[in-house]
Amino acid sequence: MNATARRNPADRDRAVALVRTITIGTGLASLAAVCVFGGVAAATYTGGSGNVMTAAATTTSTSTSTTSTSTPTTNSTTQSSALEATAAPTTTSASGSTHATTGGS
């Protein structure tokens, strides 16, 4: 039967140094990969698609029900790529008690 060779502290120190070097190298390589992929994504992204879904919620004062509508709109390709501001929604008081839920239990 063959006996395994006895290791000395210098072998252990070399192994720990190798693991440390591999760990640092892997971290730096992954950081570089994230930077490259992010740069390529930022350079090639041309903006959103032409079809944008806008949602509007309306509430009537005579009823306590809320109606949600979704309307597709198409952006023209001749528009500038600048962001456009939209008007803030307005609130109206309704008669009776109202309650909003998030769907959680």
N, C-alpha and C. Protein backbone atom coordinates (compact mmCIF):
# COMPACT_ATOMS: atom_id res chain seq x y z
N MET A 1 0.84 -1.15 0.00
CA MET A 1 0.00 0.00 0.00
C MET A 1 0.90 1.23 0.00
N ASN A 2 0.52 2.21 -0.82
CA ASN A 2 1.33 3.42 -0.92
C ASN A 2 0.84 4.45 0.08
N ALA A 3 1.72 5.03 0.78
CA ALA A 3 1.39 6.09 1.74
C ALA A 3 1.44 7.42 1.02
N THR A 4 0.53 8.32 1.38
CA THR A 4 0.54 9.64 0.76
C THR A 4 1.72 10.44 1.30
N ALA A 5 2.21 11.30 0.44
CA ALA A 5 3.35 12.12 0.83
C ALA A 5 2.92 13.13 1.89
N ARG A 6 3.79 13.33 2.83
CA ARG A 6 3.51 14.26 3.91
C ARG A 6 3.68 15.69 3.42
N ARG A 7 2.69 16.56 3.70
CA ARG A 7 2.75 17.96 3.28
C ARG A 7 3.40 18.79 4.36
N ASN A 8 4.08 19.83 3.92
CA ASN A 8 4.70 20.73 4.89
C ASN A 8 4.01 22.09 4.83
N PRO A 9 4.28 22.97 5.77
CA PRO A 9 3.62 24.28 5.79
C PRO A 9 3.86 25.12 4.54
N ALA A 10 4.98 24.97 3.90
CA ALA A 10 5.26 25.73 2.68
C ALA A 10 4.30 25.34 1.56
N ASP A 11 3.95 24.04 1.48
CA ASP A 11 2.98 23.59 0.48
C ASP A 11 1.61 24.23 0.74
N ARG A 12 1.23 24.27 1.99
CA ARG A 12 -0.04 24.88 2.35
C ARG A 12 -0.04 26.37 2.00
N ASP A 13 1.03 27.07 2.30
CA ASP A 13 1.12 28.50 1.99
C ASP A 13 1.00 28.75 0.48
N ARG A 14 1.65 27.89 -0.32
CA ARG A 14 1.55 28.03 -1.77
C ARG A 14 0.12 27.77 -2.25
N ALA A 15 -0.55 26.80 -1.67
CA ALA A 15 -1.92 26.49 -2.06
C ALA A 15 -2.87 27.64 -1.69
N VAL A 16 -2.69 28.22 -0.51
CA VAL A 16 -3.53 29.34 -0.10
C VAL A 16 -3.27 30.55 -1.01
N ALA A 17 -2.02 30.78 -1.37
CA ALA A 17 -1.69 31.89 -2.26
C ALA A 17 -2.30 31.67 -3.65
N LEU A 18 -2.31 30.42 -4.12
CA LEU A 18 -2.90 30.11 -5.41
C LEU A 18 -4.41 30.34 -5.40
N VAL A 19 -5.07 29.91 -4.34
CA VAL A 19 -6.51 30.13 -4.22
C VAL A 19 -6.81 31.62 -4.16
N ARG A 20 -6.01 32.38 -3.44
CA ARG A 20 -6.21 33.82 -3.34
C ARG A 20 -6.04 34.47 -4.72
N THR A 21 -5.03 34.08 -5.46
CA THR A 21 -4.77 34.63 -6.78
C THR A 21 -5.92 34.30 -7.74
N ILE A 22 -6.40 33.07 -7.68
CA ILE A 22 -7.51 32.67 -8.55
C ILE A 22 -8.77 33.46 -8.19
N THR A 23 -9.02 33.66 -6.90
CA THR A 23 -10.20 34.40 -6.46
C THR A 23 -10.15 35.86 -6.92
N ILE A 24 -9.01 36.49 -6.76
CA ILE A 24 -8.86 37.88 -7.19
C ILE A 24 -8.99 37.98 -8.71
N GLY A 25 -8.39 37.06 -9.43
CA GLY A 25 -8.47 37.06 -10.90
C GLY A 25 -9.90 36.87 -11.39
N THR A 26 -10.63 35.98 -10.73
CA THR A 26 -12.02 35.75 -11.11
C THR A 26 -12.87 36.99 -10.84
N GLY A 27 -12.65 37.65 -9.72
CA GLY A 27 -13.38 38.87 -9.40
C GLY A 27 -13.11 39.98 -10.41
N LEU A 28 -11.85 40.17 -10.77
CA LEU A 28 -11.50 41.21 -11.74
C LEU A 28 -12.04 40.88 -13.13
N ALA A 29 -11.99 39.60 -13.51
CA ALA A 29 -12.51 39.21 -14.82
C ALA A 29 -14.02 39.41 -14.89
N SER A 30 -14.73 39.08 -13.81
CA SER A 30 -16.18 39.28 -13.82
C SER A 30 -16.53 40.76 -13.83
N LEU A 31 -15.77 41.59 -13.13
CA LEU A 31 -16.00 43.03 -13.15
C LEU A 31 -15.79 43.58 -14.57
N ALA A 32 -14.74 43.14 -15.23
CA ALA A 32 -14.48 43.59 -16.60
C ALA A 32 -15.60 43.13 -17.53
N ALA A 33 -16.10 41.90 -17.35
CA ALA A 33 -17.18 41.39 -18.20
C ALA A 33 -18.45 42.21 -18.02
N VAL A 34 -18.78 42.56 -16.79
CA VAL A 34 -19.97 43.37 -16.53
C VAL A 34 -19.83 44.74 -17.17
N CYS A 35 -18.66 45.33 -17.07
CA CYS A 35 -18.43 46.64 -17.68
C CYS A 35 -18.55 46.58 -19.20
N VAL A 36 -17.99 45.53 -19.80
CA VAL A 36 -18.06 45.39 -21.26
C VAL A 36 -19.51 45.16 -21.69
N PHE A 37 -20.21 44.25 -21.05
CA PHE A 37 -21.60 43.98 -21.43
C PHE A 37 -22.48 45.21 -21.21
N GLY A 38 -22.26 45.92 -20.12
CA GLY A 38 -23.03 47.15 -19.88
C GLY A 38 -22.74 48.21 -20.91
N GLY A 39 -21.47 48.35 -21.28
CA GLY A 39 -21.09 49.33 -22.30
C GLY A 39 -21.69 49.00 -23.66
N VAL A 40 -21.65 47.73 -24.03
CA VAL A 40 -22.23 47.31 -25.30
C VAL A 40 -23.74 47.52 -25.28
N ALA A 41 -24.39 47.18 -24.17
CA ALA A 41 -25.84 47.37 -24.07
C ALA A 41 -26.20 48.85 -24.16
N ALA A 42 -25.44 49.70 -23.48
CA ALA A 42 -25.72 51.14 -23.51
C ALA A 42 -25.47 51.72 -24.90
N ALA A 43 -24.46 51.23 -25.57
CA ALA A 43 -24.12 51.76 -26.89
C ALA A 43 -25.11 51.32 -27.96
N THR A 44 -25.69 50.15 -27.80
CA THR A 44 -26.58 49.62 -28.84
C THR A 44 -28.05 49.83 -28.57
N TYR A 45 -28.43 50.31 -27.38
CA TYR A 45 -29.85 50.51 -27.07
C TYR A 45 -30.34 51.77 -27.75
N THR A 46 -31.36 51.64 -28.59
CA THR A 46 -31.86 52.78 -29.35
C THR A 46 -33.10 53.40 -28.73
N GLY A 47 -33.60 52.86 -27.67
CA GLY A 47 -34.79 53.40 -27.03
C GLY A 47 -35.88 52.37 -26.99
N GLY A 48 -37.04 52.79 -26.55
CA GLY A 48 -38.17 51.89 -26.41
C GLY A 48 -38.80 51.55 -27.75
N SER A 49 -39.73 50.63 -27.74
CA SER A 49 -40.44 50.24 -28.95
C SER A 49 -41.44 51.33 -29.32
N GLY A 50 -41.97 51.24 -30.51
CA GLY A 50 -42.92 52.23 -30.99
C GLY A 50 -44.29 52.12 -30.34
N ASN A 51 -44.66 50.95 -29.84
CA ASN A 51 -45.95 50.77 -29.20
C ASN A 51 -45.81 50.93 -27.70
N VAL A 52 -46.56 51.88 -27.15
CA VAL A 52 -46.51 52.16 -25.73
C VAL A 52 -47.92 51.99 -25.18
N MET A 53 -48.08 51.25 -24.11
CA MET A 53 -49.38 51.09 -23.48
C MET A 53 -49.49 52.11 -22.35
N THR A 54 -50.55 52.93 -22.39
CA THR A 54 -50.79 53.88 -21.32
C THR A 54 -52.03 53.43 -20.57
N ALA A 55 -52.00 53.55 -19.28
CA ALA A 55 -53.13 53.14 -18.45
C ALA A 55 -53.72 54.36 -17.77
N ALA A 56 -55.03 54.38 -17.69
CA ALA A 56 -55.72 55.48 -17.02
C ALA A 56 -56.79 54.89 -16.12
N ALA A 57 -56.88 55.42 -14.92
CA ALA A 57 -57.92 54.99 -13.99
C ALA A 57 -58.88 56.14 -13.79
N THR A 58 -60.16 55.87 -13.94
CA THR A 58 -61.16 56.91 -13.76
C THR A 58 -62.12 56.50 -12.66
N THR A 59 -62.57 57.46 -11.91
CA THR A 59 -63.53 57.21 -10.83
C THR A 59 -64.68 58.20 -10.98
N THR A 60 -65.88 57.70 -10.89
CA THR A 60 -67.03 58.59 -10.94
C THR A 60 -67.47 58.91 -9.52
N SER A 61 -68.03 60.11 -9.33
CA SER A 61 -68.41 60.52 -7.99
C SER A 61 -69.73 59.91 -7.54
N THR A 62 -70.54 59.37 -8.46
CA THR A 62 -71.82 58.78 -8.09
C THR A 62 -71.68 57.30 -7.78
N SER A 63 -70.55 56.72 -8.06
CA SER A 63 -70.35 55.29 -7.84
C SER A 63 -69.03 55.08 -7.12
N THR A 64 -68.91 53.97 -6.42
CA THR A 64 -67.66 53.69 -5.72
C THR A 64 -66.78 52.74 -6.52
N SER A 65 -67.18 52.41 -7.75
CA SER A 65 -66.37 51.49 -8.56
C SER A 65 -65.33 52.28 -9.33
N THR A 66 -64.23 51.63 -9.64
CA THR A 66 -63.14 52.23 -10.39
C THR A 66 -62.98 51.47 -11.69
N THR A 67 -62.89 52.18 -12.77
CA THR A 67 -62.71 51.57 -14.07
C THR A 67 -61.29 51.82 -14.55
N SER A 68 -60.62 50.79 -14.99
CA SER A 68 -59.26 50.92 -15.49
C SER A 68 -59.28 50.63 -16.98
N THR A 69 -58.71 51.55 -17.75
CA THR A 69 -58.67 51.35 -19.19
C THR A 69 -57.23 51.36 -19.66
N SER A 70 -56.98 50.66 -20.72
CA SER A 70 -55.65 50.60 -21.31
C SER A 70 -55.76 50.95 -22.77
N THR A 71 -54.99 51.94 -23.20
CA THR A 71 -55.08 52.42 -24.57
C THR A 71 -53.72 52.33 -25.23
N PRO A 72 -53.59 51.59 -26.35
CA PRO A 72 -52.31 51.55 -27.03
C PRO A 72 -52.09 52.83 -27.83
N THR A 73 -50.90 53.37 -27.75
CA THR A 73 -50.54 54.53 -28.54
C THR A 73 -49.27 54.22 -29.30
N THR A 74 -49.09 54.84 -30.43
CA THR A 74 -47.92 54.59 -31.25
C THR A 74 -47.10 55.86 -31.34
N ASN A 75 -45.82 55.76 -31.04
CA ASN A 75 -44.92 56.90 -31.17
C ASN A 75 -44.48 57.01 -32.62
N SER A 76 -44.43 58.20 -33.12
CA SER A 76 -43.96 58.41 -34.47
C SER A 76 -42.44 58.31 -34.50
N THR A 77 -41.91 57.80 -35.59
CA THR A 77 -40.46 57.66 -35.69
C THR A 77 -39.80 58.99 -35.96
N THR A 78 -40.60 60.04 -36.30
CA THR A 78 -40.00 61.34 -36.56
C THR A 78 -39.88 62.18 -35.30
N GLN A 79 -40.41 61.69 -34.17
CA GLN A 79 -40.30 62.44 -32.93
C GLN A 79 -38.87 62.40 -32.42
N SER A 80 -38.53 63.42 -31.64
CA SER A 80 -37.20 63.42 -31.05
C SER A 80 -37.14 62.41 -29.92
N SER A 81 -35.94 62.04 -29.53
CA SER A 81 -35.78 61.03 -28.49
C SER A 81 -35.81 61.64 -27.09
N ALA A 82 -36.15 62.93 -26.98
CA ALA A 82 -36.20 63.57 -25.67
C ALA A 82 -37.41 63.08 -24.89
N LEU A 83 -37.31 63.09 -23.59
CA LEU A 83 -38.41 62.68 -22.74
C LEU A 83 -39.47 63.77 -22.71
N GLU A 84 -40.73 63.35 -22.67
CA GLU A 84 -41.81 64.30 -22.62
C GLU A 84 -42.51 64.19 -21.28
N ALA A 85 -42.88 65.32 -20.71
CA ALA A 85 -43.57 65.33 -19.43
C ALA A 85 -45.04 65.06 -19.64
N THR A 86 -45.66 64.35 -18.70
CA THR A 86 -47.09 64.12 -18.75
C THR A 86 -47.73 64.78 -17.54
N ALA A 87 -48.99 65.12 -17.68
CA ALA A 87 -49.70 65.79 -16.60
C ALA A 87 -49.91 64.83 -15.45
N ALA A 88 -49.85 65.37 -14.24
CA ALA A 88 -50.08 64.56 -13.05
C ALA A 88 -51.57 64.24 -12.94
N PRO A 89 -51.92 63.06 -12.44
CA PRO A 89 -53.34 62.74 -12.30
C PRO A 89 -53.99 63.61 -11.24
N THR A 90 -55.25 63.93 -11.46
CA THR A 90 -55.98 64.74 -10.50
C THR A 90 -56.87 63.85 -9.67
N THR A 91 -57.15 64.28 -8.45
CA THR A 91 -58.00 63.50 -7.57
C THR A 91 -59.27 64.27 -7.31
N THR A 92 -60.34 63.55 -7.14
CA THR A 92 -61.61 64.16 -6.78
C THR A 92 -62.16 63.41 -5.59
N SER A 93 -62.89 64.11 -4.75
CA SER A 93 -63.46 63.45 -3.59
C SER A 93 -64.75 62.74 -4.00
N ALA A 94 -64.92 61.55 -3.49
CA ALA A 94 -66.13 60.78 -3.79
C ALA A 94 -66.97 60.68 -2.54
N SER A 95 -68.26 60.62 -2.73
CA SER A 95 -69.12 60.47 -1.58
C SER A 95 -69.05 59.04 -1.09
N GLY A 96 -69.10 58.84 0.19
CA GLY A 96 -69.03 57.51 0.74
C GLY A 96 -67.62 57.14 1.14
N SER A 97 -67.47 55.94 1.59
CA SER A 97 -66.17 55.46 2.06
C SER A 97 -65.44 54.77 0.91
N THR A 98 -64.18 55.07 0.74
CA THR A 98 -63.39 54.41 -0.29
C THR A 98 -62.26 53.65 0.38
N HIS A 99 -61.81 52.60 -0.27
CA HIS A 99 -60.74 51.78 0.27
C HIS A 99 -59.89 51.25 -0.87
N ALA A 100 -58.60 51.40 -0.78
CA ALA A 100 -57.69 50.88 -1.80
C ALA A 100 -56.95 49.68 -1.24
N THR A 101 -56.83 48.64 -2.06
CA THR A 101 -56.10 47.44 -1.65
C THR A 101 -55.02 47.13 -2.64
N THR A 102 -54.02 46.39 -2.20
CA THR A 102 -52.93 45.99 -3.08
C THR A 102 -53.06 44.55 -3.51
N GLY A 103 -54.05 43.85 -3.05
CA GLY A 103 -54.23 42.46 -3.42
C GLY A 103 -53.55 41.49 -2.47
N GLY A 104 -52.83 42.00 -1.49
CA GLY A 104 -52.16 41.13 -0.53
C GLY A 104 -53.16 40.59 0.48
N SER A 105 -52.76 39.57 1.19
CA SER A 105 -53.67 38.97 2.16
C SER A 105 -53.46 39.57 3.54
